[in-house]
Protein backbone atom coordinates (compact mmCIF):
# COMPACT_ATOMS: atom_id res chain seq x y z
CA UNK A 1 0.00 0.00 0.00
CA UNK A 2 2.84 2.41 0.75
CA UNK A 3 4.47 2.00 -2.65
CA UNK A 4 1.24 2.91 -4.43
CA UNK A 5 1.21 6.28 -2.62
CA UNK A 6 4.79 7.15 -3.51
CA UNK A 7 6.19 8.71 -6.64
CA UNK A 8 8.68 6.55 -8.48
CA UNK A 9 11.68 8.30 -9.95
CA UNK A 10 13.96 6.65 -12.47
CA UNK A 11 17.38 8.08 -13.09
CA UNK A 12 19.64 7.27 -15.98
CA UNK A 13 23.12 6.04 -15.19
CA UNK A 14 26.00 8.45 -14.90
CA UNK A 15 28.57 8.35 -17.68
CA UNK A 16 31.22 5.75 -16.85
CA UNK A 17 34.05 8.28 -16.39
CA UNK A 18 31.99 10.32 -13.91
CA UNK A 19 31.00 7.20 -11.97
CA UNK A 20 34.64 6.05 -11.82
CA UNK A 21 35.72 9.50 -10.61
CA UNK A 22 33.05 9.53 -7.90
CA UNK A 23 33.84 6.03 -6.63
CA UNK A 24 37.55 6.88 -6.60
CA UNK A 25 36.79 10.07 -4.64
CA UNK A 26 34.77 8.17 -2.02
CA UNK A 27 37.41 5.43 -1.79
CA UNK A 28 40.09 8.06 -1.17
CA UNK A 29 37.94 9.92 1.37
CA UNK A 30 37.28 6.68 3.25
CA UNK A 31 40.92 5.61 3.15
CA UNK A 32 40.36 2.57 0.94
CA UNK A 33 43.48 1.83 -1.11
CA UNK A 34 42.52 0.72 -4.62
CA UNK A 35 44.95 -0.85 -7.07
CA UNK A 36 44.73 -0.25 -10.80
CA UNK A 37 41.45 -1.47 -12.22
CA UNK A 38 39.61 -1.90 -8.91
CA UNK A 39 37.51 1.26 -9.17
CA UNK A 40 36.73 0.55 -12.82
CA UNK A 41 35.70 -3.00 -11.88
CA UNK A 42 33.39 -1.67 -9.16
CA UNK A 43 31.64 0.57 -11.68
CA UNK A 44 31.53 -2.10 -14.39
CA UNK A 45 30.07 -4.79 -12.13
CA UNK A 46 27.42 -2.44 -10.78
CA UNK A 47 25.82 -2.12 -14.24
CA UNK A 48 25.73 1.66 -14.04
CA UNK A 49 24.14 1.80 -10.58
CA UNK A 50 26.32 4.17 -8.55
CA UNK A 51 24.57 3.21 -5.33
CA UNK A 52 25.41 -0.45 -5.94
CA UNK A 53 29.01 0.51 -6.75
CA UNK A 54 29.27 2.33 -3.41
CA UNK A 55 27.78 -0.63 -1.53
CA UNK A 56 30.24 -2.94 -3.29
CA UNK A 57 33.09 -0.62 -2.35
CA UNK A 58 31.99 -0.78 1.28
CA UNK A 59 31.69 -4.58 1.21
CA UNK A 60 35.00 -5.01 -0.59
CA UNK A 61 36.82 -2.71 1.83
CA UNK A 62 35.55 -4.81 4.73
CA UNK A 63 36.55 -7.96 2.89
CA UNK A 64 40.18 -6.88 2.42
CA UNK A 65 40.38 -5.22 5.86
CA UNK A 66 43.03 -2.58 5.25
CA UNK A 67 44.81 -4.28 2.36
CA UNK A 68 44.72 -2.83 -1.13
CA UNK A 69 41.58 -3.57 -3.09
CA UNK A 70 42.13 -5.11 -6.53
CA UNK A 71 39.95 -6.00 -9.52
CA UNK A 72 40.03 -9.72 -8.72
CA UNK A 73 38.58 -9.13 -5.26
CA UNK A 74 35.85 -6.95 -6.75
CA UNK A 75 35.02 -9.63 -9.33
CA UNK A 76 34.88 -12.28 -6.61
CA UNK A 77 32.57 -10.11 -4.53
CA UNK A 78 30.31 -9.43 -7.52
CA UNK A 79 30.08 -13.15 -8.25
CA UNK A 80 31.59 -12.80 -11.70
CA UNK A 81 32.44 -16.07 -13.35
CA UNK A 82 35.92 -16.29 -14.82
CA UNK A 83 35.96 -15.58 -18.57
CA UNK A 84 37.87 -18.85 -19.02
CA UNK A 85 34.99 -20.79 -17.49
CA UNK A 86 32.43 -19.05 -19.72
CA UNK A 87 34.63 -19.62 -22.79
CA UNK A 88 34.87 -23.31 -21.92
CA UNK A 89 31.11 -23.44 -21.59
CA UNK A 90 30.75 -21.79 -25.00
CA UNK A 91 33.29 -24.20 -26.50
CA UNK A 92 31.22 -27.15 -25.24
CA UNK A 93 28.53 -26.18 -27.77
CA UNK A 94 30.80 -27.29 -30.59
CA UNK A 95 31.59 -30.57 -28.86
CA UNK A 96 29.20 -33.35 -27.95
CA UNK A 97 26.49 -33.72 -25.32
CA UNK A 98 28.98 -35.23 -22.87
CA UNK A 99 31.13 -32.06 -23.00
CA UNK A 100 28.03 -29.96 -22.35
CA UNK A 101 27.05 -32.13 -19.38
CA UNK A 102 30.56 -31.93 -17.93
CA UNK A 103 30.69 -28.14 -18.38
CA UNK A 104 27.30 -27.68 -16.71
CA UNK A 105 28.27 -30.04 -13.88
CA UNK A 106 31.43 -28.02 -13.25
CA UNK A 107 29.44 -24.77 -13.09
CA UNK A 108 26.77 -26.15 -10.79
CA UNK A 109 29.26 -27.84 -8.46
CA UNK A 110 31.33 -24.63 -8.32
CA UNK A 111 28.21 -22.91 -7.00
CA UNK A 112 27.77 -20.33 -9.76
CA UNK A 113 24.20 -19.03 -10.00
CA UNK A 114 22.50 -19.87 -13.28
CA UNK A 115 21.30 -16.28 -13.68
CA UNK A 116 24.90 -15.05 -13.66
CA UNK A 117 25.92 -17.75 -16.12
CA UNK A 118 23.11 -16.62 -18.43
CA UNK A 119 24.12 -12.96 -18.22
CA UNK A 120 27.76 -13.60 -19.01
CA UNK A 121 26.99 -16.17 -21.68
CA UNK A 122 24.59 -13.71 -23.30
CA UNK A 123 27.33 -11.10 -23.57
CA UNK A 124 29.62 -13.69 -25.14
CA UNK A 125 26.99 -14.80 -27.66
CA UNK A 126 26.19 -11.23 -28.71
CA UNK A 127 29.86 -10.56 -29.43
CA UNK A 128 30.50 -13.90 -31.18
CA UNK A 129 31.51 -13.23 -34.80
CA UNK A 130 30.96 -16.88 -35.78
CA UNK A 131 27.20 -16.69 -35.17
CA UNK A 132 24.79 -15.05 -37.59
CA UNK A 133 22.28 -12.46 -36.39
CA UNK A 134 19.48 -15.01 -36.68
CA UNK A 135 21.42 -17.56 -34.62
CA UNK A 136 22.12 -14.92 -31.98
CA UNK A 137 18.43 -13.98 -31.86
CA UNK A 138 17.35 -17.62 -31.50
CA UNK A 139 19.88 -18.24 -28.73
CA UNK A 140 18.81 -15.03 -26.95
CA UNK A 141 15.17 -16.16 -27.12
CA UNK A 142 16.21 -19.53 -25.73
CA UNK A 143 18.08 -17.77 -22.91
CA UNK A 144 14.95 -15.74 -22.14
CA UNK A 145 12.91 -18.93 -21.89
CA UNK A 146 15.51 -20.49 -19.60
CA UNK A 147 15.57 -17.35 -17.45
CA UNK A 148 11.79 -17.46 -17.17
CA UNK A 149 11.88 -21.12 -16.16
CA UNK A 150 14.50 -20.32 -13.52
CA UNK A 151 12.33 -17.51 -12.15
CA UNK A 152 9.47 -20.01 -11.94
CA UNK A 153 11.63 -22.29 -9.80
CA UNK A 154 12.98 -24.79 -12.33
CA UNK A 155 16.13 -26.78 -11.58
CA UNK A 156 19.26 -24.81 -12.50
CA UNK A 157 21.27 -27.77 -13.73
CA UNK A 158 18.51 -29.03 -16.02
CA UNK A 159 17.85 -25.56 -17.42
CA UNK A 160 21.52 -24.92 -18.13
CA UNK A 161 21.86 -28.31 -19.77
CA UNK A 162 18.75 -27.60 -21.86
CA UNK A 163 20.29 -24.28 -22.89
CA UNK A 164 23.58 -25.91 -23.82
CA UNK A 165 22.04 -28.64 -25.95
CA UNK A 166 19.56 -26.41 -27.78
CA UNK A 167 22.10 -23.61 -28.30
CA UNK A 168 24.49 -26.18 -29.71
CA UNK A 169 21.84 -27.26 -32.21
CA UNK A 170 21.18 -23.62 -33.18
CA UNK A 171 24.89 -22.78 -33.48
CA UNK A 172 25.55 -25.80 -35.69
CA UNK A 173 22.72 -24.94 -38.09
CA UNK A 174 24.35 -22.95 -40.89
CA UNK A 175 22.61 -19.65 -41.62
CA UNK A 176 19.78 -20.57 -39.27
C-alpha atoms as a PDB file:
ATOM      1  CA  UNK A   1       0.000   0.000   0.000  1.00  0.00           C
ATOM      2  CA  UNK A   2       2.839   2.406   0.753  1.00  0.00           C
ATOM      3  CA  UNK A   3       4.474   1.997  -2.652  1.00  0.00           C
ATOM      4  CA  UNK A   4       1.243   2.913  -4.433  1.00  0.00           C
ATOM      5  CA  UNK A   5       1.213   6.275  -2.619  1.00  0.00           C
ATOM      6  CA  UNK A   6       4.788   7.146  -3.515  1.00  0.00           C
ATOM      7  CA  UNK A   7       6.189   8.714  -6.641  1.00  0.00           C
ATOM      8  CA  UNK A   8       8.683   6.552  -8.483  1.00  0.00           C
ATOM      9  CA  UNK A   9      11.681   8.298  -9.951  1.00  0.00           C
ATOM     10  CA  UNK A  10      13.961   6.652 -12.470  1.00  0.00           C
ATOM     11  CA  UNK A  11      17.383   8.077 -13.094  1.00  0.00           C
ATOM     12  CA  UNK A  12      19.643   7.271 -15.976  1.00  0.00           C
ATOM     13  CA  UNK A  13      23.122   6.040 -15.194  1.00  0.00           C
ATOM     14  CA  UNK A  14      26.002   8.449 -14.900  1.00  0.00           C
ATOM     15  CA  UNK A  15      28.573   8.352 -17.680  1.00  0.00           C
ATOM     16  CA  UNK A  16      31.221   5.749 -16.850  1.00  0.00           C
ATOM     17  CA  UNK A  17      34.048   8.277 -16.393  1.00  0.00           C
ATOM     18  CA  UNK A  18      31.989  10.321 -13.907  1.00  0.00           C
ATOM     19  CA  UNK A  19      31.000   7.202 -11.969  1.00  0.00           C
ATOM     20  CA  UNK A  20      34.637   6.048 -11.822  1.00  0.00           C
ATOM     21  CA  UNK A  21      35.721   9.499 -10.607  1.00  0.00           C
ATOM     22  CA  UNK A  22      33.046   9.527  -7.904  1.00  0.00           C
ATOM     23  CA  UNK A  23      33.835   6.034  -6.626  1.00  0.00           C
ATOM     24  CA  UNK A  24      37.553   6.882  -6.604  1.00  0.00           C
ATOM     25  CA  UNK A  25      36.787  10.072  -4.639  1.00  0.00           C
ATOM     26  CA  UNK A  26      34.765   8.173  -2.024  1.00  0.00           C
ATOM     27  CA  UNK A  27      37.411   5.432  -1.785  1.00  0.00           C
ATOM     28  CA  UNK A  28      40.090   8.060  -1.173  1.00  0.00           C
ATOM     29  CA  UNK A  29      37.939   9.922   1.373  1.00  0.00           C
ATOM     30  CA  UNK A  30      37.279   6.677   3.246  1.00  0.00           C
ATOM     31  CA  UNK A  31      40.919   5.608   3.153  1.00  0.00           C
ATOM     32  CA  UNK A  32      40.357   2.570   0.939  1.00  0.00           C
ATOM     33  CA  UNK A  33      43.475   1.830  -1.111  1.00  0.00           C
ATOM     34  CA  UNK A  34      42.525   0.720  -4.618  1.00  0.00           C
ATOM     35  CA  UNK A  35      44.954  -0.846  -7.068  1.00  0.00           C
ATOM     36  CA  UNK A  36      44.735  -0.251 -10.798  1.00  0.00           C
ATOM     37  CA  UNK A  37      41.445  -1.475 -12.217  1.00  0.00           C
ATOM     38  CA  UNK A  38      39.613  -1.900  -8.905  1.00  0.00           C
ATOM     39  CA  UNK A  39      37.511   1.257  -9.171  1.00  0.00           C
ATOM     40  CA  UNK A  40      36.726   0.553 -12.821  1.00  0.00           C
ATOM     41  CA  UNK A  41      35.705  -2.998 -11.879  1.00  0.00           C
ATOM     42  CA  UNK A  42      33.388  -1.666  -9.160  1.00  0.00           C
ATOM     43  CA  UNK A  43      31.643   0.570 -11.684  1.00  0.00           C
ATOM     44  CA  UNK A  44      31.525  -2.100 -14.394  1.00  0.00           C
ATOM     45  CA  UNK A  45      30.070  -4.785 -12.128  1.00  0.00           C
ATOM     46  CA  UNK A  46      27.416  -2.437 -10.782  1.00  0.00           C
ATOM     47  CA  UNK A  47      25.816  -2.119 -14.239  1.00  0.00           C
ATOM     48  CA  UNK A  48      25.728   1.664 -14.039  1.00  0.00           C
ATOM     49  CA  UNK A  49      24.144   1.802 -10.576  1.00  0.00           C
ATOM     50  CA  UNK A  50      26.322   4.167  -8.549  1.00  0.00           C
ATOM     51  CA  UNK A  51      24.571   3.211  -5.327  1.00  0.00           C
ATOM     52  CA  UNK A  52      25.409  -0.450  -5.937  1.00  0.00           C
ATOM     53  CA  UNK A  53      29.011   0.509  -6.752  1.00  0.00           C
ATOM     54  CA  UNK A  54      29.265   2.328  -3.407  1.00  0.00           C
ATOM     55  CA  UNK A  55      27.784  -0.628  -1.531  1.00  0.00           C
ATOM     56  CA  UNK A  56      30.239  -2.943  -3.291  1.00  0.00           C
ATOM     57  CA  UNK A  57      33.090  -0.616  -2.345  1.00  0.00           C
ATOM     58  CA  UNK A  58      31.987  -0.778   1.277  1.00  0.00           C
ATOM     59  CA  UNK A  59      31.693  -4.579   1.209  1.00  0.00           C
ATOM     60  CA  UNK A  60      35.004  -5.008  -0.591  1.00  0.00           C
ATOM     61  CA  UNK A  61      36.819  -2.712   1.829  1.00  0.00           C
ATOM     62  CA  UNK A  62      35.551  -4.813   4.731  1.00  0.00           C
ATOM     63  CA  UNK A  63      36.555  -7.960   2.889  1.00  0.00           C
ATOM     64  CA  UNK A  64      40.181  -6.881   2.419  1.00  0.00           C
ATOM     65  CA  UNK A  65      40.378  -5.217   5.862  1.00  0.00           C
ATOM     66  CA  UNK A  66      43.030  -2.584   5.255  1.00  0.00           C
ATOM     67  CA  UNK A  67      44.815  -4.276   2.362  1.00  0.00           C
ATOM     68  CA  UNK A  68      44.716  -2.827  -1.127  1.00  0.00           C
ATOM     69  CA  UNK A  69      41.577  -3.572  -3.093  1.00  0.00           C
ATOM     70  CA  UNK A  70      42.134  -5.113  -6.528  1.00  0.00           C
ATOM     71  CA  UNK A  71      39.953  -5.998  -9.523  1.00  0.00           C
ATOM     72  CA  UNK A  72      40.030  -9.724  -8.721  1.00  0.00           C
ATOM     73  CA  UNK A  73      38.577  -9.134  -5.257  1.00  0.00           C
ATOM     74  CA  UNK A  74      35.854  -6.948  -6.748  1.00  0.00           C
ATOM     75  CA  UNK A  75      35.021  -9.634  -9.332  1.00  0.00           C
ATOM     76  CA  UNK A  76      34.877 -12.279  -6.607  1.00  0.00           C
ATOM     77  CA  UNK A  77      32.572 -10.105  -4.528  1.00  0.00           C
ATOM     78  CA  UNK A  78      30.308  -9.433  -7.521  1.00  0.00           C
ATOM     79  CA  UNK A  79      30.078 -13.155  -8.251  1.00  0.00           C
ATOM     80  CA  UNK A  80      31.594 -12.802 -11.696  1.00  0.00           C
ATOM     81  CA  UNK A  81      32.443 -16.069 -13.346  1.00  0.00           C
ATOM     82  CA  UNK A  82      35.924 -16.292 -14.825  1.00  0.00           C
ATOM     83  CA  UNK A  83      35.960 -15.578 -18.570  1.00  0.00           C
ATOM     84  CA  UNK A  84      37.870 -18.846 -19.025  1.00  0.00           C
ATOM     85  CA  UNK A  85      34.990 -20.788 -17.488  1.00  0.00           C
ATOM     86  CA  UNK A  86      32.434 -19.053 -19.720  1.00  0.00           C
ATOM     87  CA  UNK A  87      34.632 -19.616 -22.792  1.00  0.00           C
ATOM     88  CA  UNK A  88      34.875 -23.309 -21.919  1.00  0.00           C
ATOM     89  CA  UNK A  89      31.111 -23.444 -21.585  1.00  0.00           C
ATOM     90  CA  UNK A  90      30.747 -21.792 -24.996  1.00  0.00           C
ATOM     91  CA  UNK A  91      33.293 -24.198 -26.501  1.00  0.00           C
ATOM     92  CA  UNK A  92      31.217 -27.152 -25.245  1.00  0.00           C
ATOM     93  CA  UNK A  93      28.531 -26.183 -27.775  1.00  0.00           C
ATOM     94  CA  UNK A  94      30.796 -27.289 -30.594  1.00  0.00           C
ATOM     95  CA  UNK A  95      31.587 -30.568 -28.865  1.00  0.00           C
ATOM     96  CA  UNK A  96      29.203 -33.354 -27.953  1.00  0.00           C
ATOM     97  CA  UNK A  97      26.487 -33.716 -25.320  1.00  0.00           C
ATOM     98  CA  UNK A  98      28.979 -35.227 -22.869  1.00  0.00           C
ATOM     99  CA  UNK A  99      31.131 -32.064 -23.001  1.00  0.00           C
ATOM    100  CA  UNK A 100      28.028 -29.962 -22.351  1.00  0.00           C
ATOM    101  CA  UNK A 101      27.045 -32.128 -19.385  1.00  0.00           C
ATOM    102  CA  UNK A 102      30.559 -31.933 -17.935  1.00  0.00           C
ATOM    103  CA  UNK A 103      30.691 -28.138 -18.377  1.00  0.00           C
ATOM    104  CA  UNK A 104      27.299 -27.678 -16.710  1.00  0.00           C
ATOM    105  CA  UNK A 105      28.265 -30.040 -13.881  1.00  0.00           C
ATOM    106  CA  UNK A 106      31.426 -28.022 -13.246  1.00  0.00           C
ATOM    107  CA  UNK A 107      29.443 -24.772 -13.086  1.00  0.00           C
ATOM    108  CA  UNK A 108      26.766 -26.148 -10.786  1.00  0.00           C
ATOM    109  CA  UNK A 109      29.263 -27.838  -8.461  1.00  0.00           C
ATOM    110  CA  UNK A 110      31.328 -24.632  -8.316  1.00  0.00           C
ATOM    111  CA  UNK A 111      28.210 -22.905  -7.001  1.00  0.00           C
ATOM    112  CA  UNK A 112      27.771 -20.325  -9.758  1.00  0.00           C
ATOM    113  CA  UNK A 113      24.200 -19.026 -10.002  1.00  0.00           C
ATOM    114  CA  UNK A 114      22.500 -19.868 -13.285  1.00  0.00           C
ATOM    115  CA  UNK A 115      21.304 -16.282 -13.678  1.00  0.00           C
ATOM    116  CA  UNK A 116      24.904 -15.046 -13.662  1.00  0.00           C
ATOM    117  CA  UNK A 117      25.916 -17.751 -16.124  1.00  0.00           C
ATOM    118  CA  UNK A 118      23.108 -16.621 -18.431  1.00  0.00           C
ATOM    119  CA  UNK A 119      24.116 -12.963 -18.215  1.00  0.00           C
ATOM    120  CA  UNK A 120      27.760 -13.597 -19.008  1.00  0.00           C
ATOM    121  CA  UNK A 121      26.990 -16.168 -21.682  1.00  0.00           C
ATOM    122  CA  UNK A 122      24.585 -13.709 -23.301  1.00  0.00           C
ATOM    123  CA  UNK A 123      27.328 -11.101 -23.572  1.00  0.00           C
ATOM    124  CA  UNK A 124      29.624 -13.690 -25.138  1.00  0.00           C
ATOM    125  CA  UNK A 125      26.988 -14.799 -27.663  1.00  0.00           C
ATOM    126  CA  UNK A 126      26.192 -11.228 -28.710  1.00  0.00           C
ATOM    127  CA  UNK A 127      29.862 -10.559 -29.430  1.00  0.00           C
ATOM    128  CA  UNK A 128      30.504 -13.903 -31.176  1.00  0.00           C
ATOM    129  CA  UNK A 129      31.514 -13.233 -34.804  1.00  0.00           C
ATOM    130  CA  UNK A 130      30.956 -16.876 -35.785  1.00  0.00           C
ATOM    131  CA  UNK A 131      27.201 -16.685 -35.170  1.00  0.00           C
ATOM    132  CA  UNK A 132      24.786 -15.050 -37.590  1.00  0.00           C
ATOM    133  CA  UNK A 133      22.284 -12.461 -36.387  1.00  0.00           C
ATOM    134  CA  UNK A 134      19.483 -15.011 -36.684  1.00  0.00           C
ATOM    135  CA  UNK A 135      21.418 -17.559 -34.622  1.00  0.00           C
ATOM    136  CA  UNK A 136      22.120 -14.917 -31.979  1.00  0.00           C
ATOM    137  CA  UNK A 137      18.431 -13.978 -31.863  1.00  0.00           C
ATOM    138  CA  UNK A 138      17.347 -17.620 -31.499  1.00  0.00           C
ATOM    139  CA  UNK A 139      19.881 -18.241 -28.732  1.00  0.00           C
ATOM    140  CA  UNK A 140      18.808 -15.032 -26.955  1.00  0.00           C
ATOM    141  CA  UNK A 141      15.165 -16.158 -27.119  1.00  0.00           C
ATOM    142  CA  UNK A 142      16.212 -19.526 -25.731  1.00  0.00           C
ATOM    143  CA  UNK A 143      18.080 -17.775 -22.912  1.00  0.00           C
ATOM    144  CA  UNK A 144      14.953 -15.743 -22.137  1.00  0.00           C
ATOM    145  CA  UNK A 145      12.907 -18.930 -21.892  1.00  0.00           C
ATOM    146  CA  UNK A 146      15.509 -20.491 -19.595  1.00  0.00           C
ATOM    147  CA  UNK A 147      15.575 -17.350 -17.448  1.00  0.00           C
ATOM    148  CA  UNK A 148      11.787 -17.459 -17.175  1.00  0.00           C
ATOM    149  CA  UNK A 149      11.876 -21.115 -16.161  1.00  0.00           C
ATOM    150  CA  UNK A 150      14.503 -20.319 -13.525  1.00  0.00           C
ATOM    151  CA  UNK A 151      12.327 -17.512 -12.152  1.00  0.00           C
ATOM    152  CA  UNK A 152       9.466 -20.006 -11.939  1.00  0.00           C
ATOM    153  CA  UNK A 153      11.634 -22.293  -9.798  1.00  0.00           C
ATOM    154  CA  UNK A 154      12.983 -24.794 -12.328  1.00  0.00           C
ATOM    155  CA  UNK A 155      16.128 -26.784 -11.585  1.00  0.00           C
ATOM    156  CA  UNK A 156      19.256 -24.810 -12.502  1.00  0.00           C
ATOM    157  CA  UNK A 157      21.268 -27.768 -13.729  1.00  0.00           C
ATOM    158  CA  UNK A 158      18.509 -29.028 -16.016  1.00  0.00           C
ATOM    159  CA  UNK A 159      17.849 -25.561 -17.424  1.00  0.00           C
ATOM    160  CA  UNK A 160      21.524 -24.916 -18.130  1.00  0.00           C
ATOM    161  CA  UNK A 161      21.860 -28.314 -19.771  1.00  0.00           C
ATOM    162  CA  UNK A 162      18.755 -27.600 -21.860  1.00  0.00           C
ATOM    163  CA  UNK A 163      20.291 -24.283 -22.891  1.00  0.00           C
ATOM    164  CA  UNK A 164      23.576 -25.906 -23.823  1.00  0.00           C
ATOM    165  CA  UNK A 165      22.038 -28.638 -25.951  1.00  0.00           C
ATOM    166  CA  UNK A 166      19.555 -26.406 -27.775  1.00  0.00           C
ATOM    167  CA  UNK A 167      22.096 -23.614 -28.298  1.00  0.00           C
ATOM    168  CA  UNK A 168      24.489 -26.184 -29.711  1.00  0.00           C
ATOM    169  CA  UNK A 169      21.841 -27.258 -32.209  1.00  0.00           C
ATOM    170  CA  UNK A 170      21.180 -23.625 -33.184  1.00  0.00           C
ATOM    171  CA  UNK A 171      24.886 -22.780 -33.484  1.00  0.00           C
ATOM    172  CA  UNK A 172      25.549 -25.798 -35.695  1.00  0.00           C
ATOM    173  CA  UNK A 173      22.723 -24.938 -38.091  1.00  0.00           C
ATOM    174  CA  UNK A 174      24.354 -22.954 -40.893  1.00  0.00           C
ATOM    175  CA  UNK A 175      22.615 -19.652 -41.621  1.00  0.00           C
ATOM    176  CA  UNK A 176      19.779 -20.565 -39.271  1.00  0.00           C
END
